[in-house]
Every structure is written in C-alpha cells, then in structure tokens.
Amino acid sequence: MRRIDVEEWAFRILERIQHGQSNEDSLVELKSTWPDARDIARQLGGHANSARAQTIMWLFGVDERTGVVPFEPQDPASWRDQLYREFDGIAPRFEHYNIEWQGQSFFALVFETDAAPFVVLNPQRNRPGSGPFDREVPWREGRTRSASRAELILIVRPPARLPIVEIVSGRVTVMDQATSHFHSWNVDIDLYGVTETLGRMFFPFFGIRAHLETSNGAALQFENFGINANTDDPHVVYTRNQQLMIDGAARFHFYGTARSDTLSQDLQQPLRVEIRLMVAGNELPVIVTVQLKPTAERHQFTGAWIVTA
C-alpha cells in the first residue's frame, strides 16, 4: 500500500472523529498509547484472522473520541521483534508510518493478513494460573475470542482474489432545484479494471453500492446509478443482462445521482465518493475511493468537483 493511500485512510478516520462520528471501519483499530506487544498480540491475531486476507490498520496515538493525543512512541523495529515472539510460526507483517495531523504526530501500522491463520502463544505462559493451553487461534467479532470450527474453515479458505480497479478521471456536480426545494447531485467516474491474471469476471448491477461524503461528514446515498462499458469490443468488456464483464483490462464508466434537502457541503472544500462493486463468486467487494477537489469551472452548476491528481 502506498504512503498516500495510508494517509488518506487515516485522515478519513480522523475526520469522522472530528465530526463526532464513530469509527465504522472494521479494518481499523485505534490505540491512544503504544501498547505492549504481549498484551495486544491476541487481539491483533484475532483481527488479522477475521479480516480474511484484507489489509488492516492500527493507529497508535489516536483516541476514538478525541482524535490524535500525546503519547510516548516506541522503537518500531524493537517492538516488531517483541510482537513476532508472541506468535507461533508467523505473525502479520506490517509497515509503520509516522504521520502528522493538524500539528500532532501519530503512527499508522498497516498489517497484511494474507498469511493467515495466525496462532498466538498464551500471553500468560510461564505464569501461575496461566491455564492448560499454550497456543490459540483467535478471532475478532466485536471482542476477541477463540475461533470456532466454522471460522477456522473461513480462515484457511480465503476469498478469491479481487481485480484491480483504478480511477482514470471523474466529476461531481450539484445544482439547486428551486421548484422542488432540493439539491441534485450528479457523479461521473471513469474507471480502469484489470483482471488479466484472474480471467473473466462479472460485476452484477444489484451488487453496486455508492455514496458521497460531504465536508461536514454527511453521507448521501446514490439513488440511481449504473455502469457503462467504454468500448465496443464484447470480448474484453461489455454491459449486458444487468452486469459488467471484464476479461483482461478495460475502461468503464460509473454514473449516479443523489438528492439532498440542504447543501451540506462547503463549495471550497473537497469531497469523497466511495463505490463498492460486488464480484460474482467473491464475498468481498472491490472498494473504490475517489477524492475530488473543487473547480472554479462551475458554468451552470452550484458547485463542481474533479478527481484530484
């Protein structure tokens, strides 16, 4: 994962906290202090096992209610060695990033979980009353507990690989509807999908979910949306029978509309669009996050934004 992607992910979480919203991202864990490796190995192992090959992120120096807080950082290399000693065989590998937010520093640790299952050693080992077990496969579901047989099967049979979907260009506009007393939003995003190593893949229209996040943290769900293929070559990409097919690499176009009673967006501030695409045969969606910046070329629109570089 690129540093800019890590920063965008972390800043999105901090913006939610700043607007008094809870962290709804199940792939993120917040810690106001830098925790002891032995104390959190079981929690991390459960989080990594339940993520099922998805990347997870832990933020150190971030409180879930107040955001970035002063904390005492540790040497990441030394902490890594301590953490790895708490796992049997292999631990989730990670990269660490020192990030600044509004003049305060915090750490983002990004863990890859594709080597699951992760087995942790009993953190109370070699201590009186440590119990009869010395190893555990943890699982996180609200809290950390031992994995059930069904969950063990989910861990050892990860979901199919997902295609790569990249952003080419995009535009969002909003216009007042004086006669109806609401604001009409329109989004047009050009995307590029790659399935060359995965073969032919299908994206059913009923599995599309998309919303727009405004500068004050409001989420507008797109009511009408769809996908068009950007080529006439049906062997590479087509939209037919309410689904998109890609075989190799091709561009396609997402469009949608939404309405809002009030204009909960500062026209000089960026906004964000998130698109979730279901892939047939895979329980995990492809998530595309689009950042857009305001543009002065509004013409007949109340506001307009374009994809940032």
Protein backbone atom coordinates (compact mmCIF):
# COMPACT_ATOMS: atom_id res chain seq x y z
CA MET A 1 0.00 0.00 0.00
CA ARG A 2 1.36 3.44 -0.92
CA ARG A 3 2.00 6.01 1.78
CA ILE A 4 -0.57 8.37 0.25
CA ASP A 5 -3.21 5.62 0.49
CA VAL A 6 -2.32 5.04 4.15
CA GLU A 7 -2.55 8.75 4.90
CA GLU A 8 -5.90 9.09 3.11
CA TRP A 9 -7.30 6.13 5.06
CA ALA A 10 -6.06 7.52 8.39
CA PHE A 11 -7.23 11.08 7.66
CA ARG A 12 -10.69 9.77 6.76
CA ILE A 13 -10.92 8.14 10.20
CA LEU A 14 -9.74 11.32 11.94
CA GLU A 15 -12.25 13.43 10.04
CA ARG A 16 -15.04 11.17 11.24
CA ILE A 17 -13.85 11.59 14.84
CA GLN A 18 -13.63 15.35 14.34
CA HIS A 19 -17.28 15.40 13.25
CA GLY A 20 -18.35 13.35 16.27
CA GLN A 21 -18.93 10.18 14.26
CA SER A 22 -17.86 6.70 15.34
CA ASN A 23 -15.25 4.68 13.51
CA GLU A 24 -17.33 2.29 11.40
CA ASP A 25 -14.34 0.72 9.66
CA SER A 26 -13.97 -2.85 10.94
CA LEU A 27 -10.47 -2.99 9.45
CA VAL A 28 -9.16 -0.21 11.74
CA GLU A 29 -8.15 -0.30 15.40
CA LEU A 30 -7.38 2.85 17.44
CA LYS A 31 -4.96 2.96 20.38
CA SER A 32 -4.29 6.12 22.39
CA THR A 33 -0.97 4.66 23.63
CA TRP A 34 1.68 2.43 22.12
CA PRO A 35 0.62 -0.93 23.61
CA ASP A 36 2.85 -3.66 24.95
CA ALA A 37 3.41 -6.35 22.32
CA ARG A 38 2.49 -9.25 24.61
CA ASP A 39 -0.72 -7.57 25.74
CA ILE A 40 -2.12 -6.97 22.25
CA ALA A 41 -0.80 -9.96 20.25
CA ARG A 42 -4.00 -11.94 20.80
CA GLN A 43 -6.21 -9.01 19.77
CA LEU A 44 -4.09 -8.41 16.67
CA GLY A 45 -4.14 -12.10 15.76
CA GLY A 46 -7.93 -12.20 16.03
CA HIS A 47 -8.28 -9.04 13.96
CA ALA A 48 -5.93 -10.39 11.28
CA ASN A 49 -7.66 -13.79 11.14
CA SER A 50 -11.15 -12.31 10.82
CA ALA A 51 -10.01 -9.83 8.13
CA ARG A 52 -9.71 -12.75 5.70
CA ALA A 53 -6.74 -11.53 3.63
CA GLN A 54 -7.75 -7.85 3.72
CA THR A 55 -5.27 -5.21 4.88
CA ILE A 56 -5.89 -3.85 8.38
CA MET A 57 -4.59 -0.67 10.01
CA TRP A 58 -3.86 0.19 13.63
CA LEU A 59 -3.39 3.82 14.66
CA PHE A 60 -1.21 4.49 17.73
CA GLY A 61 -1.70 7.87 19.40
CA VAL A 62 -5.34 8.21 18.35
CA ASP A 63 -8.29 8.20 20.75
CA GLU A 64 -11.67 7.09 19.39
CA ARG A 65 -13.41 10.15 20.87
CA THR A 66 -10.86 12.96 20.77
CA GLY A 67 -8.59 12.06 17.84
CA VAL A 68 -4.80 12.47 17.96
CA VAL A 69 -3.45 12.62 21.53
CA PRO A 70 0.05 12.98 23.02
CA PHE A 71 1.70 9.61 23.54
CA GLU A 72 5.11 8.05 24.07
CA PRO A 73 6.25 6.30 20.87
CA GLN A 74 8.47 3.22 20.86
CA ASP A 75 11.12 2.00 18.50
CA PRO A 76 9.06 0.19 15.80
CA ALA A 77 11.88 -2.26 14.99
CA SER A 78 12.30 -3.34 18.61
CA TRP A 79 8.52 -3.57 19.09
CA ARG A 80 8.25 -5.66 15.92
CA ASP A 81 10.71 -8.20 17.33
CA GLN A 82 8.74 -8.41 20.58
CA LEU A 83 5.46 -8.81 18.73
CA TYR A 84 6.71 -11.58 16.46
CA ARG A 85 7.83 -13.59 19.52
CA GLU A 86 4.17 -13.72 20.61
CA PHE A 87 3.14 -15.72 17.52
CA ASP A 88 3.70 -19.36 16.69
CA GLY A 89 5.49 -19.57 13.36
CA ILE A 90 4.41 -16.39 11.58
CA ALA A 91 2.88 -13.03 12.51
CA PRO A 92 1.09 -10.45 10.35
CA ARG A 93 3.82 -8.49 8.59
CA PHE A 94 3.49 -4.73 8.77
CA GLU A 95 4.86 -1.37 7.71
CA HIS A 96 4.80 1.65 10.00
CA TYR A 97 4.29 5.32 9.10
CA ASN A 98 4.84 8.42 11.21
CA ILE A 99 2.04 10.79 10.14
CA GLU A 100 1.15 14.34 11.14
CA TRP A 101 -2.39 15.64 11.59
CA GLN A 102 -3.03 19.27 12.48
CA GLY A 103 0.42 19.66 14.01
CA GLN A 104 0.34 16.42 16.02
CA SER A 105 2.09 13.15 15.19
CA PHE A 106 0.76 9.61 15.38
CA PHE A 107 1.76 6.23 13.98
CA ALA A 108 -0.10 4.12 11.44
CA LEU A 109 0.76 0.41 11.32
CA VAL A 110 -0.54 -1.37 8.22
CA PHE A 111 -0.76 -5.17 8.55
CA GLU A 112 -1.04 -7.68 5.72
CA THR A 113 -3.19 -10.68 6.69
CA ASP A 114 -2.84 -12.98 3.67
CA ALA A 115 -0.63 -15.42 5.64
CA ALA A 116 -3.50 -16.43 7.99
CA PRO A 117 -4.18 -18.45 10.07
CA PHE A 118 -2.21 -16.71 12.80
CA VAL A 119 -1.60 -18.64 16.02
CA VAL A 120 -0.70 -16.76 19.20
CA LEU A 121 1.06 -18.05 22.27
CA ASN A 122 -0.72 -17.87 25.62
CA PRO A 123 0.18 -14.37 26.90
CA GLN A 124 0.12 -15.72 30.48
CA ARG A 125 2.54 -18.54 29.67
CA ASN A 126 5.08 -19.40 32.32
CA ARG A 127 3.00 -17.60 34.93
CA PRO A 128 0.97 -19.15 37.78
CA GLY A 129 -2.63 -19.83 36.78
CA SER A 130 -1.89 -19.46 33.07
CA GLY A 131 -4.27 -22.29 32.16
CA PRO A 132 -3.77 -25.60 30.34
CA PHE A 133 -3.38 -24.25 26.79
CA ASP A 134 -0.23 -22.80 25.27
CA ARG A 135 -1.49 -21.73 21.81
CA GLU A 136 -4.70 -20.31 20.36
CA VAL A 137 -6.21 -19.31 17.02
CA PRO A 138 -8.02 -16.07 17.98
CA TRP A 139 -10.95 -14.50 16.16
CA ARG A 140 -12.37 -10.99 16.44
CA GLU A 141 -16.11 -10.36 16.35
CA GLY A 142 -16.70 -7.27 18.48
CA ARG A 143 -14.42 -8.85 21.05
CA THR A 144 -11.51 -11.26 20.72
CA ARG A 145 -12.23 -14.93 21.41
CA SER A 146 -11.15 -18.36 20.19
CA ALA A 147 -12.12 -19.21 16.63
CA SER A 148 -14.89 -21.76 16.08
CA ARG A 149 -14.58 -24.63 13.60
CA ALA A 150 -16.62 -22.71 11.01
CA GLU A 151 -14.36 -19.70 11.41
CA LEU A 152 -11.26 -21.85 11.08
CA ILE A 153 -12.60 -23.02 7.73
CA LEU A 154 -13.12 -19.40 6.68
CA ILE A 155 -9.54 -18.59 7.65
CA VAL A 156 -7.91 -21.43 5.72
CA ARG A 157 -10.16 -20.89 2.69
CA PRO A 158 -9.73 -17.17 1.97
CA PRO A 159 -11.95 -15.43 -0.59
CA ALA A 160 -10.97 -15.34 -4.22
CA ARG A 161 -8.58 -12.64 -5.35
CA LEU A 162 -10.13 -9.36 -6.37
CA PRO A 163 -9.49 -7.47 -9.60
CA ILE A 164 -7.66 -4.15 -9.63
CA VAL A 165 -9.85 -1.10 -10.27
CA GLU A 166 -8.15 2.28 -10.71
CA ILE A 167 -9.53 5.79 -11.14
CA VAL A 168 -8.97 7.49 -14.51
CA SER A 169 -10.98 10.68 -14.16
CA GLY A 170 -14.17 11.94 -12.60
CA ARG A 171 -16.51 14.80 -11.87
CA VAL A 172 -19.24 15.61 -9.35
CA THR A 173 -21.69 18.49 -9.75
CA VAL A 174 -24.56 19.84 -7.68
CA MET A 175 -27.34 22.12 -8.82
CA ASP A 176 -30.20 23.82 -6.99
CA GLN A 177 -33.69 22.71 -7.92
CA ALA A 178 -35.64 25.82 -6.91
CA THR A 179 -39.03 24.44 -7.96
CA SER A 180 -38.58 21.28 -5.88
CA HIS A 181 -36.56 22.77 -3.00
CA PHE A 182 -33.77 20.21 -3.11
CA HIS A 183 -30.24 19.88 -4.47
CA SER A 184 -29.48 17.48 -7.30
CA TRP A 185 -26.07 15.73 -7.30
CA ASN A 186 -24.53 14.01 -10.32
CA VAL A 187 -21.39 11.89 -10.43
CA ASP A 188 -19.44 10.57 -13.43
CA ILE A 189 -16.32 8.47 -12.77
CA ASP A 190 -14.16 6.74 -15.41
CA LEU A 191 -12.53 3.58 -14.05
CA TYR A 192 -9.99 1.06 -15.34
CA GLY A 193 -10.38 -2.58 -14.36
CA VAL A 194 -7.67 -5.26 -14.64
CA THR A 195 -8.45 -8.99 -14.43
CA GLU A 196 -5.63 -10.31 -16.64
CA THR A 197 -4.31 -12.83 -14.09
CA LEU A 198 -7.79 -13.76 -12.83
CA GLY A 199 -9.70 -14.44 -16.05
CA ARG A 200 -13.18 -13.26 -16.92
CA MET A 201 -15.01 -11.56 -14.07
CA PHE A 202 -18.58 -10.29 -13.64
CA PHE A 203 -19.86 -7.32 -11.64
CA PRO A 204 -23.65 -7.58 -11.14
CA PHE A 205 -25.52 -4.29 -11.01
CA PHE A 206 -27.53 -5.37 -7.95
CA GLY A 207 -24.23 -5.56 -6.04
CA ILE A 208 -23.29 -1.91 -6.60
CA ARG A 209 -23.31 0.40 -3.58
CA ALA A 210 -22.16 4.02 -3.72
CA HIS A 211 -22.34 7.14 -1.59
CA LEU A 212 -20.93 10.65 -1.43
CA GLU A 213 -19.41 12.11 1.75
CA THR A 214 -19.70 15.89 2.13
CA SER A 215 -17.40 18.24 4.02
CA ASN A 216 -19.50 18.09 7.20
CA GLY A 217 -19.44 14.28 7.29
CA ALA A 218 -22.91 13.66 5.81
CA ALA A 219 -23.29 10.61 3.56
CA LEU A 220 -25.58 10.87 0.53
CA GLN A 221 -26.59 7.53 -0.96
CA PHE A 222 -26.84 7.40 -4.75
CA GLU A 223 -30.42 6.56 -5.68
CA ASN A 224 -29.96 5.99 -9.41
CA PHE A 225 -26.67 4.65 -10.71
CA GLY A 226 -25.20 2.31 -13.27
CA ILE A 227 -22.16 1.25 -15.29
CA ASN A 228 -21.38 1.58 -19.00
CA ALA A 229 -18.58 -0.11 -20.94
CA ASN A 230 -16.23 2.31 -22.68
CA THR A 231 -15.55 0.12 -25.71
CA ASP A 232 -17.46 -1.84 -28.31
CA ASP A 233 -15.23 -4.94 -28.05
CA PRO A 234 -17.51 -7.54 -26.37
CA HIS A 235 -14.59 -9.94 -25.91
CA VAL A 236 -12.91 -7.56 -23.46
CA VAL A 237 -15.73 -5.71 -21.72
CA TYR A 238 -19.49 -5.37 -22.02
CA THR A 239 -22.58 -4.49 -20.02
CA ARG A 240 -25.36 -6.97 -20.63
CA ASN A 241 -28.09 -8.65 -18.58
CA GLN A 242 -27.61 -6.16 -15.74
CA GLN A 243 -23.93 -6.91 -15.23
CA LEU A 244 -20.47 -5.74 -16.31
CA MET A 245 -18.00 -8.28 -17.72
CA ILE A 246 -14.25 -7.67 -17.94
CA ASP A 247 -11.82 -10.15 -19.45
CA GLY A 248 -8.33 -8.70 -19.28
CA ALA A 249 -8.17 -4.92 -18.92
CA ALA A 250 -10.71 -2.27 -19.90
CA ARG A 251 -12.16 1.11 -19.03
CA PHE A 252 -15.72 1.51 -17.80
CA HIS A 253 -17.88 4.36 -16.58
CA PHE A 254 -19.82 4.76 -13.32
CA TYR A 255 -22.62 7.31 -13.11
CA GLY A 256 -25.15 8.17 -10.43
CA THR A 257 -27.48 10.77 -8.97
CA ALA A 258 -28.44 11.76 -5.44
CA ARG A 259 -30.62 14.38 -3.76
CA SER A 260 -30.27 16.41 -0.58
CA ASP A 261 -32.66 18.78 1.18
CA THR A 262 -29.81 21.03 2.29
CA LEU A 263 -26.41 21.79 0.80
CA SER A 264 -24.23 20.15 3.46
CA GLN A 265 -21.03 20.86 1.53
CA ASP A 266 -18.59 23.75 1.60
CA LEU A 267 -18.13 24.55 -2.10
CA GLN A 268 -14.45 25.33 -1.45
CA GLN A 269 -13.74 22.01 0.28
CA PRO A 270 -13.03 18.59 -1.26
CA LEU A 271 -15.49 15.73 -1.11
CA ARG A 272 -15.29 11.97 -1.42
CA VAL A 273 -17.15 9.27 -3.33
CA GLU A 274 -16.99 5.60 -2.36
CA ILE A 275 -18.07 2.89 -4.82
CA ARG A 276 -18.43 -0.76 -3.81
CA LEU A 277 -18.59 -3.32 -6.61
CA MET A 278 -19.61 -6.91 -5.92
CA VAL A 279 -17.65 -9.52 -7.88
CA ALA A 280 -19.58 -12.68 -8.79
CA GLY A 281 -18.26 -15.62 -6.77
CA ASN A 282 -16.48 -13.46 -4.19
CA GLU A 283 -17.99 -12.35 -0.89
CA LEU A 284 -15.69 -9.32 -0.62
CA PRO A 285 -16.36 -6.20 -2.70
CA VAL A 286 -13.96 -4.06 -4.68
CA ILE A 287 -13.92 -0.70 -2.89
CA VAL A 288 -13.01 2.38 -4.93
CA THR A 289 -12.44 5.61 -3.02
CA VAL A 290 -12.49 8.77 -5.15
CA GLN A 291 -11.18 12.07 -3.79
CA LEU A 292 -12.40 15.19 -5.62
CA LYS A 293 -11.31 18.81 -5.34
CA PRO A 294 -13.41 21.91 -6.11
CA THR A 295 -13.06 23.53 -9.52
CA ALA A 296 -13.94 27.10 -10.48
CA GLU A 297 -15.40 25.92 -13.80
CA ARG A 298 -18.94 25.56 -12.50
CA HIS A 299 -20.79 27.01 -15.50
CA GLN A 300 -24.49 26.42 -14.75
CA PHE A 301 -23.83 24.39 -11.59
CA THR A 302 -23.96 25.46 -7.96
CA GLY A 303 -20.76 23.53 -7.30
CA ALA A 304 -18.38 21.25 -9.20
CA TRP A 305 -15.51 18.96 -8.23
CA ILE A 306 -12.97 16.94 -10.22
CA VAL A 307 -10.73 13.99 -9.38
CA THR A 308 -7.51 15.04 -7.68
CA ALA A 309 -4.18 14.07 -9.23
